[in-house]
């Protein structure tokens, strides 16, 4: 990453390391306290694990009995005894893992509460955009939501769309399965005056894919003055967008900032009054900094479209205060 990229980043690698380190220390302390209160797995975890393993042991034992006769009964006894011991180990592992996850979420919740935000088990999406309408079915996971600065609403967390896939087996029949496409997303208020809808990601604005997208969708590519920008990013706006408004926001200095900063693995789209930043892969509670990175990308991109006067570089210090609080 270049020095200029650092200048345009409002959430750096050092920020991610610092927040993850702080979260990890808090999670360990929370986990230790919870383990003292709950040293053993719950009865539900113990019985669920034991019954599941016993059923597997009985099925395997009956198969052995059918194959080798009386010796199979000895195998059944061995499997049942082994299941009892294995069930204790698995229930303990399950218990420890659950406590770690709960501890991390409590620490994240404490951080969110200190910022006036809230953690949720299921992210509620305010409106939809093309990504949020993809697939045959969709669901969300854990995340945070709240406001930034002057009542700018946001939510960030896990989003998954699923596609139904059909495979043909050797007998000529077909089986259906669901393929998951997980994302870490940040959704933030961003009315795009004069632009309507927008999409930008790594690619080529003047490439063949952009032209094909313009032919089959209601979006059109917008080549700008910088050939380096056009060769690095695919910028699409709605067919009825005001071209002057687009160029007022994407001034040469903004184009240079895009090239220097890059988009990393993030993709962006805006529609229905919100902007979405998304990266492939679900967020993890032990890497809260990665979720904050996506939210930071959304805040930076929003500033490009909403700052007044249009076309000036985003004020990184002001944006860091929005993201990390006044003591950032």
Protein backbone atom coordinates (compact mmCIF):
# COMPACT_ATOMS: atom_id res chain seq x y z
CA UNK A 1 0.00 0.00 0.00
CA UNK A 2 1.43 3.41 -0.93
CA UNK A 3 1.76 6.42 1.35
CA UNK A 4 -1.03 8.10 -0.62
CA UNK A 5 -3.27 5.12 0.09
CA UNK A 6 -2.64 5.64 3.81
CA UNK A 7 -3.61 9.29 3.37
CA UNK A 8 -6.96 8.27 1.91
CA UNK A 9 -7.65 5.40 4.35
CA UNK A 10 -9.75 6.24 7.37
CA UNK A 11 -9.30 2.77 8.88
CA UNK A 12 -5.74 1.50 8.58
CA UNK A 13 -4.05 -1.83 9.22
CA UNK A 14 -2.86 -0.41 12.55
CA UNK A 15 -6.47 0.47 13.45
CA UNK A 16 -7.61 -3.06 12.65
CA UNK A 17 -4.80 -4.60 14.71
CA UNK A 18 -5.50 -2.26 17.64
CA UNK A 19 -9.25 -2.89 17.78
CA UNK A 20 -8.83 -6.67 17.35
CA UNK A 21 -6.17 -6.76 20.09
CA UNK A 22 -8.41 -4.81 22.45
CA UNK A 23 -11.39 -7.02 21.61
CA UNK A 24 -9.34 -10.19 22.14
CA UNK A 25 -8.15 -9.06 25.58
CA UNK A 26 -11.69 -8.20 26.63
CA UNK A 27 -13.01 -11.49 25.24
CA UNK A 28 -10.46 -13.52 27.20
CA UNK A 29 -11.40 -11.79 30.44
CA UNK A 30 -15.11 -12.25 29.69
CA UNK A 31 -14.57 -15.92 28.79
CA UNK A 32 -12.67 -16.60 32.04
CA UNK A 33 -15.50 -15.06 34.08
CA UNK A 34 -18.15 -17.05 32.20
CA UNK A 35 -16.19 -20.30 32.58
CA UNK A 36 -16.12 -19.83 36.35
CA UNK A 37 -19.90 -19.37 36.33
CA UNK A 38 -20.52 -22.24 33.87
CA UNK A 39 -17.67 -24.77 34.28
CA UNK A 40 -19.61 -27.68 32.77
CA UNK A 41 -21.63 -28.05 29.58
CA UNK A 42 -25.38 -27.73 29.98
CA UNK A 43 -27.51 -30.83 30.24
CA UNK A 44 -28.91 -30.14 26.80
CA UNK A 45 -25.44 -30.15 25.20
CA UNK A 46 -24.42 -33.33 27.06
CA UNK A 47 -27.57 -35.30 26.26
CA UNK A 48 -27.79 -34.11 22.65
CA UNK A 49 -24.21 -35.18 22.00
CA UNK A 50 -24.57 -38.49 23.82
CA UNK A 51 -27.83 -39.49 22.12
CA UNK A 52 -26.47 -38.56 18.70
CA UNK A 53 -23.31 -40.62 19.13
CA UNK A 54 -25.21 -43.57 20.64
CA UNK A 55 -27.52 -43.68 17.63
CA UNK A 56 -24.52 -43.72 15.30
CA UNK A 57 -22.85 -46.44 17.42
CA UNK A 58 -25.97 -48.62 17.38
CA UNK A 59 -26.36 -48.32 13.61
CA UNK A 60 -22.70 -49.21 13.04
CA UNK A 61 -22.93 -52.06 15.55
CA UNK A 62 -25.97 -53.56 13.81
CA UNK A 63 -24.17 -53.34 10.49
CA UNK A 64 -21.19 -55.19 11.99
CA UNK A 65 -23.52 -57.80 13.49
CA UNK A 66 -25.13 -58.36 10.11
CA UNK A 67 -21.71 -58.79 8.49
CA UNK A 68 -19.69 -60.77 11.04
CA UNK A 69 -22.33 -62.15 13.39
CA UNK A 70 -21.53 -62.51 17.12
CA UNK A 71 -18.31 -60.52 16.93
CA UNK A 72 -20.44 -57.61 15.79
CA UNK A 73 -22.10 -57.54 19.22
CA UNK A 74 -18.67 -57.09 20.82
CA UNK A 75 -18.05 -54.27 18.38
CA UNK A 76 -21.40 -52.75 19.33
CA UNK A 77 -20.48 -52.74 23.03
CA UNK A 78 -17.12 -51.16 22.27
CA UNK A 79 -18.75 -48.49 20.13
CA UNK A 80 -21.33 -47.67 22.81
CA UNK A 81 -18.64 -47.34 25.52
CA UNK A 82 -16.49 -45.21 23.20
CA UNK A 83 -19.50 -43.01 22.45
CA UNK A 84 -19.98 -42.23 26.14
CA UNK A 85 -16.39 -41.04 26.53
CA UNK A 86 -16.36 -39.24 23.18
CA UNK A 87 -19.65 -37.50 24.00
CA UNK A 88 -18.08 -35.94 27.10
CA UNK A 89 -15.16 -34.60 25.06
CA UNK A 90 -17.37 -33.23 22.30
CA UNK A 91 -19.82 -31.63 24.77
CA UNK A 92 -16.87 -29.97 26.52
CA UNK A 93 -15.49 -28.67 23.19
CA UNK A 94 -18.96 -27.41 22.23
CA UNK A 95 -19.32 -25.70 25.61
CA UNK A 96 -15.93 -23.96 25.37
CA UNK A 97 -16.56 -22.84 21.79
CA UNK A 98 -20.00 -21.45 22.70
CA UNK A 99 -18.53 -19.53 25.64
CA UNK A 100 -15.80 -18.04 23.43
CA UNK A 101 -18.38 -16.93 20.84
CA UNK A 102 -20.69 -15.49 23.49
CA UNK A 103 -17.78 -13.68 25.16
CA UNK A 104 -16.71 -12.08 21.87
CA UNK A 105 -20.24 -10.94 21.12
CA UNK A 106 -20.57 -9.43 24.61
CA UNK A 107 -17.37 -7.46 24.13
CA UNK A 108 -18.49 -6.29 20.69
CA UNK A 109 -21.82 -5.36 22.22
CA UNK A 110 -20.07 -3.33 24.90
CA UNK A 111 -18.07 -1.46 22.27
CA UNK A 112 -21.20 -0.85 20.19
CA UNK A 113 -23.09 0.40 23.25
CA UNK A 114 -20.27 2.83 24.06
CA UNK A 115 -20.72 4.29 20.58
CA UNK A 116 -24.51 4.44 20.88
CA UNK A 117 -24.86 1.49 18.52
CA UNK A 118 -26.53 -1.88 19.05
CA UNK A 119 -25.55 -5.45 18.24
CA UNK A 120 -28.15 -7.78 16.73
CA UNK A 121 -28.30 -11.50 16.00
CA UNK A 122 -30.07 -10.88 12.68
CA UNK A 123 -29.26 -7.77 10.70
CA UNK A 124 -32.36 -5.87 9.54
CA UNK A 125 -31.81 -4.38 6.08
CA UNK A 126 -33.67 -1.08 5.55
CA UNK A 127 -34.10 -1.32 1.77
CA UNK A 128 -32.74 -3.44 -1.06
CA UNK A 129 -30.12 -2.98 -3.75
CA UNK A 130 -29.18 -5.40 -6.57
CA UNK A 131 -26.84 -7.43 -4.32
CA UNK A 132 -29.47 -7.60 -1.58
CA UNK A 133 -31.97 -9.00 -4.10
CA UNK A 134 -29.71 -11.69 -5.52
CA UNK A 135 -30.32 -15.41 -5.27
CA UNK A 136 -33.33 -17.60 -4.68
CA UNK A 137 -33.41 -16.90 -0.96
CA UNK A 138 -31.59 -14.58 1.42
CA UNK A 139 -30.85 -14.21 5.11
CA UNK A 140 -28.70 -12.15 7.46
CA UNK A 141 -26.56 -12.93 10.49
CA UNK A 142 -25.04 -10.98 13.37
CA UNK A 143 -24.10 -7.34 13.04
CA UNK A 144 -24.31 -3.84 14.46
CA UNK A 145 -26.49 -0.86 13.62
CA UNK A 146 -26.86 2.72 14.73
CA UNK A 147 -26.16 6.27 13.59
CA UNK A 148 -23.04 8.13 12.57
CA UNK A 149 -22.77 11.82 13.31
CA UNK A 150 -25.80 13.82 12.24
CA UNK A 151 -28.34 10.98 12.14
CA UNK A 152 -26.71 9.05 9.29
CA UNK A 153 -28.14 5.58 9.77
CA UNK A 154 -26.09 2.45 9.06
CA UNK A 155 -25.99 -1.27 9.64
CA UNK A 156 -23.11 -3.67 9.09
CA UNK A 157 -22.76 -7.42 9.42
CA UNK A 158 -23.42 -10.73 7.71
CA UNK A 159 -25.52 -11.14 4.58
CA UNK A 160 -25.96 -14.41 2.65
CA UNK A 161 -27.83 -15.13 -0.54
CA UNK A 162 -28.41 -18.69 -1.69
CA UNK A 163 -28.82 -20.16 -5.15
CA UNK A 164 -30.59 -23.41 -5.96
CA UNK A 165 -28.36 -25.76 -7.92
CA UNK A 166 -29.34 -28.97 -9.73
CA UNK A 167 -26.91 -31.83 -10.31
CA UNK A 168 -27.42 -34.94 -12.43
CA UNK A 169 -26.40 -38.24 -10.85
CA UNK A 170 -25.06 -41.37 -12.56
CA UNK A 171 -28.57 -42.84 -12.90
CA UNK A 172 -29.81 -39.85 -14.86
CA UNK A 173 -31.77 -38.44 -11.94
CA UNK A 174 -31.32 -34.99 -10.52
CA UNK A 175 -30.70 -33.68 -7.03
CA UNK A 176 -31.11 -30.13 -5.77
CA UNK A 177 -28.88 -28.34 -3.30
CA UNK A 178 -28.39 -24.83 -2.01
CA UNK A 179 -25.14 -22.93 -2.54
CA UNK A 180 -24.41 -20.12 -0.09
CA UNK A 181 -22.77 -16.83 -1.07
CA UNK A 182 -21.72 -15.07 2.18
CA UNK A 183 -20.79 -11.39 2.40
CA UNK A 184 -19.73 -8.83 4.97
CA UNK A 185 -21.75 -5.72 4.18
CA UNK A 186 -22.23 -2.16 5.38
CA UNK A 187 -25.41 -0.29 4.44
CA UNK A 188 -25.47 3.48 4.97
CA UNK A 189 -27.85 6.32 4.10
CA UNK A 190 -26.66 7.96 0.88
CA UNK A 191 -29.18 9.79 -1.33
CA UNK A 192 -27.49 10.22 -4.71
CA UNK A 193 -28.92 13.45 -6.08
CA UNK A 194 -28.98 13.45 -9.85
CA UNK A 195 -27.40 9.98 -10.09
CA UNK A 196 -30.15 7.63 -8.93
CA UNK A 197 -28.29 4.34 -8.81
CA UNK A 198 -24.61 3.48 -9.03
CA UNK A 199 -22.24 0.54 -9.02
CA UNK A 200 -18.46 0.59 -8.76
CA UNK A 201 -15.93 -2.20 -8.31
CA UNK A 202 -12.57 -3.34 -9.61
CA UNK A 203 -12.71 -3.77 -13.38
CA UNK A 204 -12.68 -1.61 -16.49
CA UNK A 205 -15.17 1.16 -17.24
CA UNK A 206 -14.15 1.11 -20.89
CA UNK A 207 -14.05 -2.69 -21.11
CA UNK A 208 -16.34 -5.03 -23.01
CA UNK A 209 -18.07 -6.21 -19.81
CA UNK A 210 -19.08 -2.64 -18.99
CA UNK A 211 -20.52 -2.17 -22.45
CA UNK A 212 -22.44 -5.46 -22.25
CA UNK A 213 -23.76 -4.51 -18.79
CA UNK A 214 -24.95 -1.21 -20.23
CA UNK A 215 -26.81 -3.07 -22.98
CA UNK A 216 -28.66 -5.54 -20.74
CA UNK A 217 -29.31 -3.45 -17.61
CA UNK A 218 -30.59 0.00 -16.72
CA UNK A 219 -27.03 1.08 -15.94
CA UNK A 220 -24.47 2.71 -18.24
CA UNK A 221 -20.68 2.98 -17.96
CA UNK A 222 -19.22 6.46 -17.45
CA UNK A 223 -15.64 6.85 -18.79
CA UNK A 224 -13.80 9.66 -17.02
CA UNK A 225 -10.73 11.75 -17.85
CA UNK A 226 -8.23 9.43 -16.19
CA UNK A 227 -7.39 6.42 -18.33
CA UNK A 228 -5.81 4.80 -15.27
CA UNK A 229 -9.14 5.15 -13.43
CA UNK A 230 -11.07 3.74 -16.40
CA UNK A 231 -8.68 0.76 -16.57
CA UNK A 232 -8.88 0.07 -12.82
CA UNK A 233 -12.56 0.50 -11.97
CA UNK A 234 -15.93 -0.24 -13.49
CA UNK A 235 -18.18 2.76 -12.82
CA UNK A 236 -21.83 2.39 -13.79
CA UNK A 237 -24.73 4.77 -13.15
CA UNK A 238 -28.43 4.68 -14.05
CA UNK A 239 -29.37 5.45 -17.64
CA UNK A 240 -31.22 8.60 -16.60
CA UNK A 241 -28.40 9.89 -14.38
CA UNK A 242 -27.22 13.46 -14.79
CA UNK A 243 -23.80 13.09 -16.43
CA UNK A 244 -22.80 16.53 -15.16
CA UNK A 245 -23.60 15.48 -11.58
CA UNK A 246 -21.50 12.33 -11.98
CA UNK A 247 -18.50 14.31 -13.22
CA UNK A 248 -18.95 16.94 -10.51
CA UNK A 249 -18.42 14.21 -7.92
CA UNK A 250 -15.72 12.31 -9.83
CA UNK A 251 -13.35 15.20 -10.39
CA UNK A 252 -9.72 14.51 -11.44
CA UNK A 253 -8.57 14.76 -7.82
CA UNK A 254 -11.16 12.15 -6.79
CA UNK A 255 -10.07 9.92 -9.67
CA UNK A 256 -6.48 10.14 -8.45
CA UNK A 257 -7.60 9.29 -4.90
CA UNK A 258 -9.43 6.21 -6.21
CA UNK A 259 -6.35 5.03 -8.08
CA UNK A 260 -4.05 5.65 -5.10
CA UNK A 261 -6.41 4.18 -2.52
CA UNK A 262 -7.80 1.28 -4.51
CA UNK A 263 -10.92 -0.65 -3.56
CA UNK A 264 -9.24 -3.78 -2.28
CA UNK A 265 -11.80 -6.58 -2.27
CA UNK A 266 -14.79 -4.28 -1.72
CA UNK A 267 -17.58 -3.64 -4.19
CA UNK A 268 -20.08 -0.81 -3.97
CA UNK A 269 -23.58 -0.07 -5.17
CA UNK A 270 -26.19 2.53 -4.33
CA UNK A 271 -29.95 2.56 -4.89
CA UNK A 272 -33.12 3.52 -3.01
CA UNK A 273 -31.29 6.06 -0.88
CA UNK A 274 -28.61 3.77 0.56
CA UNK A 275 -25.05 2.82 -0.33
CA UNK A 276 -23.78 -0.73 0.17
CA UNK A 277 -20.15 -1.76 0.59
CA UNK A 278 -19.60 -5.52 0.43
CA UNK A 279 -16.79 -8.03 0.64
CA UNK A 280 -17.03 -11.75 -0.02
CA UNK A 281 -16.99 -13.85 3.15
CA UNK A 282 -18.88 -13.78 6.44
CA UNK A 283 -17.69 -11.52 9.29
CA UNK A 284 -16.16 -13.27 12.29
CA UNK A 285 -16.52 -12.14 15.88
CA UNK A 286 -12.76 -12.64 16.43
CA UNK A 287 -11.99 -10.18 13.60
CA UNK A 288 -14.28 -7.24 14.31
CA UNK A 289 -11.73 -5.00 12.63
CA UNK A 290 -12.59 -6.55 9.25
CA UNK A 291 -16.22 -5.49 9.66
CA UNK A 292 -15.07 -2.00 10.61
CA UNK A 293 -12.97 -1.90 7.43
CA UNK A 294 -16.06 -2.49 5.31
CA UNK A 295 -17.97 0.18 7.22
CA UNK A 296 -15.03 2.55 6.71
CA UNK A 297 -15.14 1.86 2.96
CA UNK A 298 -18.85 2.71 2.93
CA UNK A 299 -18.27 5.97 4.83
CA UNK A 300 -15.44 7.01 2.48
CA UNK A 301 -17.48 6.22 -0.62
CA UNK A 302 -20.52 8.04 0.77
CA UNK A 303 -18.39 11.14 1.29
CA UNK A 304 -17.44 11.11 -2.39
CA UNK A 305 -21.12 11.38 -3.31
CA UNK A 306 -22.48 13.51 -0.48
CA UNK A 307 -19.79 16.05 0.45
CA UNK A 308 -20.50 19.68 -0.36
CA UNK A 309 -19.10 21.17 -2.48
CA UNK A 310 -18.93 18.11 -4.69
CA UNK A 311 -15.63 16.86 -6.02
CA UNK A 312 -13.36 17.62 -3.08
CA UNK A 313 -11.26 15.02 -1.29
CA UNK A 314 -13.01 13.42 1.71
CA UNK A 315 -11.88 14.87 5.04
CA UNK A 316 -10.21 11.83 6.57
CA UNK A 317 -10.00 13.25 10.10
CA UNK A 318 -13.73 14.04 10.14
CA UNK A 319 -14.58 10.62 8.71
CA UNK A 320 -12.37 8.85 11.28
CA UNK A 321 -14.26 10.69 14.01
CA UNK A 322 -17.52 9.38 12.52
CA UNK A 323 -16.21 5.84 12.41
CA UNK A 324 -14.15 5.62 15.59
CA UNK A 325 -15.56 8.39 17.77
CA UNK A 326 -14.28 11.85 18.67
CA UNK A 327 -11.12 10.42 20.29
CA UNK A 328 -10.00 8.67 17.09
